[in-house]
Protein backbone atom coordinates (compact mmCIF):
# COMPACT_ATOMS: atom_id res chain seq x y z
CA MET A 1 5.25 -7.30 26.96
CA GLU A 2 1.90 -6.70 25.15
CA SER A 3 3.13 -3.12 24.22
CA VAL A 4 6.20 -4.57 22.83
CA ASN A 5 4.19 -6.71 20.63
CA ILE A 6 2.03 -4.01 19.36
CA SER A 7 4.90 -1.94 18.49
CA GLN A 8 6.64 -4.96 16.80
CA THR A 9 3.36 -5.65 14.98
CA ARG A 10 3.11 -2.02 13.48
CA THR A 11 6.89 -1.90 12.47
CA ILE A 12 6.08 -5.36 10.14
CA VAL A 13 3.09 -4.17 8.29
CA PRO A 14 5.04 -1.37 6.79
CA ARG A 15 8.44 -3.59 5.78
CA LEU A 16 6.07 -6.01 4.35
CA HIS A 17 4.42 -3.28 2.30
CA TYR A 18 8.11 -1.79 1.12
CA SER A 19 9.46 -5.59 0.68
CA ASN A 20 6.10 -6.26 -1.89
CA SER A 21 6.86 -2.85 -3.75
CA LEU A 22 10.51 -3.66 -4.11
CA LEU A 23 9.53 -7.24 -5.57
CA ALA A 24 7.19 -5.62 -7.86
CA LYS A 25 9.72 -3.30 -9.24
CA ILE A 26 12.58 -6.05 -9.54
CA ILE A 27 9.91 -8.24 -11.47
CA ASP A 28 8.84 -5.40 -13.91
CA VAL A 29 12.80 -5.02 -14.53
CA LEU A 30 13.21 -8.55 -14.99
CA LYS A 31 10.24 -8.73 -17.32
CA HIS A 32 11.75 -6.12 -19.87
CA LYS A 33 14.97 -7.98 -19.46
CA LYS A 34 13.34 -11.13 -20.44
CA SER A 35 11.46 -9.52 -23.47
CA LYS A 36 14.72 -7.91 -24.87
CA ALA A 37 16.22 -11.34 -24.39
CA LYS A 38 13.76 -13.21 -26.45
CA LYS A 39 13.61 -10.60 -29.07
CA SER A 40 17.31 -11.00 -29.26
CA ASN A 41 17.01 -14.60 -29.48
CA GLN A 42 14.64 -14.78 -32.15
CA ILE A 43 17.46 -12.81 -34.22
CA LEU A 44 20.27 -14.95 -33.15
CA LEU A 45 18.89 -17.88 -34.35
CA THR A 46 18.24 -16.71 -37.63
CA GLU A 47 21.84 -15.90 -37.90
CA TYR A 48 23.90 -18.41 -36.10
CA GLU A 49 23.50 -22.03 -36.28
CA ASP A 50 21.56 -23.89 -33.57
CA GLN A 51 24.16 -25.32 -31.49
CA ASP A 52 26.42 -22.19 -31.75
CA PRO A 53 27.73 -21.44 -28.33
CA THR A 54 26.65 -17.62 -28.70
CA CYS A 55 22.91 -18.79 -29.31
CA THR A 56 23.49 -21.50 -26.52
CA LYS A 57 24.46 -18.62 -24.11
CA ALA A 58 21.96 -16.18 -25.09
CA ILE A 59 19.06 -19.00 -24.30
CA ASP A 60 20.57 -19.86 -20.91
CA LEU A 61 20.28 -16.17 -20.21
CA GLU A 62 16.48 -16.44 -21.18
CA ARG A 63 15.91 -19.38 -19.22
CA THR A 64 17.61 -17.99 -15.93
CA VAL A 65 15.83 -14.75 -16.21
CA SER A 66 12.05 -16.48 -17.20
CA PHE A 67 13.19 -19.12 -13.97
CA SER A 68 13.90 -15.93 -11.73
CA ILE A 69 10.71 -14.37 -12.74
CA GLU A 70 8.52 -17.38 -12.23
CA ILE A 71 10.08 -17.91 -8.70
CA LEU A 72 9.32 -14.49 -7.82
CA TYR A 73 6.00 -14.59 -9.06
CA TYR A 74 5.42 -17.31 -6.65
CA ILE A 75 7.09 -15.29 -3.68
CA GLN A 76 4.58 -12.45 -4.14
CA LYS A 77 1.93 -14.66 -4.17
CA ARG A 78 2.82 -15.78 -0.82
CA ILE A 79 3.23 -12.33 -0.02
CA ASP A 80 0.06 -10.93 -1.25
CA GLY A 81 -1.91 -14.17 0.60
CA VAL A 82 -0.81 -12.94 4.06
CA SER A 83 -3.43 -11.32 5.84
CA ARG A 84 -2.41 -12.30 9.49
CA ILE A 85 0.84 -11.96 11.42
CA ASP A 86 0.67 -15.32 12.39
CA GLU A 87 0.90 -16.76 8.78
CA ILE A 88 4.03 -15.33 8.43
CA PRO A 89 6.14 -17.67 10.20
CA LYS A 90 4.57 -20.62 8.29
CA LEU A 91 4.40 -18.80 5.11
CA PHE A 92 7.84 -17.12 4.68
CA PRO A 93 10.87 -19.17 5.70
CA SER A 94 11.32 -20.96 2.47
CA LEU A 95 11.22 -17.71 0.76
CA VAL A 96 14.39 -16.49 2.04
CA PRO A 97 16.62 -19.35 0.56
CA MET A 98 14.64 -18.89 -3.11
CA ILE A 99 15.21 -14.99 -3.10
CA ARG A 100 19.24 -15.92 -2.16
CA THR A 101 19.26 -18.60 -5.20
CA ILE A 102 17.93 -16.19 -7.54
CA SER A 103 19.89 -13.08 -6.38
CA ALA A 104 23.00 -15.36 -6.90
CA GLN A 105 21.99 -16.70 -10.48
CA LEU A 106 21.73 -12.85 -11.35
CA VAL A 107 24.35 -11.49 -10.06
CA ASP A 108 26.40 -11.64 -13.14
CA ILE A 109 23.58 -11.20 -15.75
CA HIS A 110 21.77 -8.01 -13.83
CA PRO A 111 23.77 -7.28 -10.67
CA GLU A 112 21.37 -4.38 -9.94
CA SER A 113 18.37 -6.79 -9.64
CA SER A 114 20.79 -9.09 -7.53
CA GLN A 115 21.25 -6.52 -5.04
CA HIS A 116 17.76 -5.54 -4.26
CA LEU A 117 17.45 -9.28 -4.04
CA SER A 118 19.93 -9.51 -1.38
CA GLU A 119 18.04 -6.37 0.11
CA LEU A 120 14.58 -8.05 -0.08
CA SER A 121 15.90 -11.29 1.59
CA VAL A 122 17.10 -9.14 4.55
CA HIS A 123 13.68 -7.62 5.08
CA LEU A 124 11.83 -10.69 4.68
CA GLY A 125 14.31 -12.70 6.85
CA SER A 126 13.65 -9.74 9.42
CA ILE A 127 10.12 -9.82 9.42
CA VAL A 128 9.87 -13.48 9.71
CA LEU A 129 12.19 -13.36 12.90
CA ASP A 130 10.13 -10.62 14.12
CA SER A 131 6.75 -11.99 13.45
CA ALA A 132 7.83 -15.44 14.94
CA THR A 133 8.80 -13.60 18.25
CA ILE A 134 5.39 -11.84 18.53
CA THR A 135 3.55 -14.76 17.62
CA THR A 136 5.96 -17.39 19.77
CA ALA A 137 5.96 -19.45 16.55
CA GLN A 138 8.68 -21.77 16.23
CA PHE A 139 9.98 -23.21 12.61
CA ASP A 140 12.22 -25.69 11.42
CA PHE A 141 14.75 -24.21 8.92
CA SER A 142 15.84 -27.52 7.39
CA GLN A 143 11.89 -28.23 6.43
CA SER A 144 12.00 -24.74 5.04
CA ASN A 145 15.13 -25.55 2.75
CA VAL A 146 13.21 -28.49 1.83
CA GLU A 147 10.34 -26.51 0.58
CA SER A 148 12.43 -24.43 -1.00
CA SER A 149 14.25 -26.68 -3.26
CA LEU A 150 11.11 -28.50 -4.03
CA MET A 151 9.84 -25.32 -5.34
CA LEU A 152 12.69 -24.20 -7.15
CA ASP A 153 12.91 -27.86 -8.79
CA GLU A 154 9.27 -27.40 -9.70
CA VAL A 155 10.05 -24.17 -11.52
CA LYS A 156 12.87 -24.90 -13.10
CA LEU A 157 11.23 -28.07 -14.88
CA MET A 158 8.16 -25.45 -15.70
CA VAL A 159 10.57 -22.97 -17.20
CA ASP A 160 12.73 -25.73 -19.30
CA SER A 161 9.74 -27.20 -20.62
CA LYS A 162 8.75 -23.70 -21.98
CA ILE A 163 12.27 -22.96 -23.38
CA ASN A 164 12.44 -26.23 -24.96
CA LYS A 165 9.11 -25.91 -26.40
CA GLN A 166 10.03 -22.07 -27.31
CA TYR A 167 13.19 -23.23 -29.47
CA PRO A 168 12.18 -26.89 -30.39
CA HIS A 169 14.88 -27.34 -32.93
CA LEU A 170 17.35 -26.63 -30.27
CA ASP A 171 19.03 -29.65 -28.24
CA PHE A 172 19.59 -28.40 -24.77
CA PHE A 173 20.93 -31.67 -23.32
């Protein structure tokens, strides 16, 4: 049994590094997409009326990309904060639903990032299961879903506030 644990532990570290690398690439792509959207929105606002559907749709795209980036930064911090295998079953279970939520939101906006996020969720899910097996940890998926929902709501409020400050003359509600 001991040799199985050592072997499994050795397989987690490279997958964790790969997941972190994939996450960094996704963030970079989305940051570029956000920058382009922000510049485009500034131009759109000078050409169209504030409540024009084109403007609203463009700003919603910027909001979604900003939201995705903020959630992914949070996930990146969680991954970077792991120093021991026994921390993974405590810190990671709520990350997978967050990644899936972001992936679903990006499927029409940036399909490639959505695809990479789906891959990332599979990797992190397998890392969670393997680390729980190794450490004999148990986790509550209901609690993970609650944590995930709370974090998504918190970040949504923050991003909405930033967008409202960035475009104060627009009424989003």
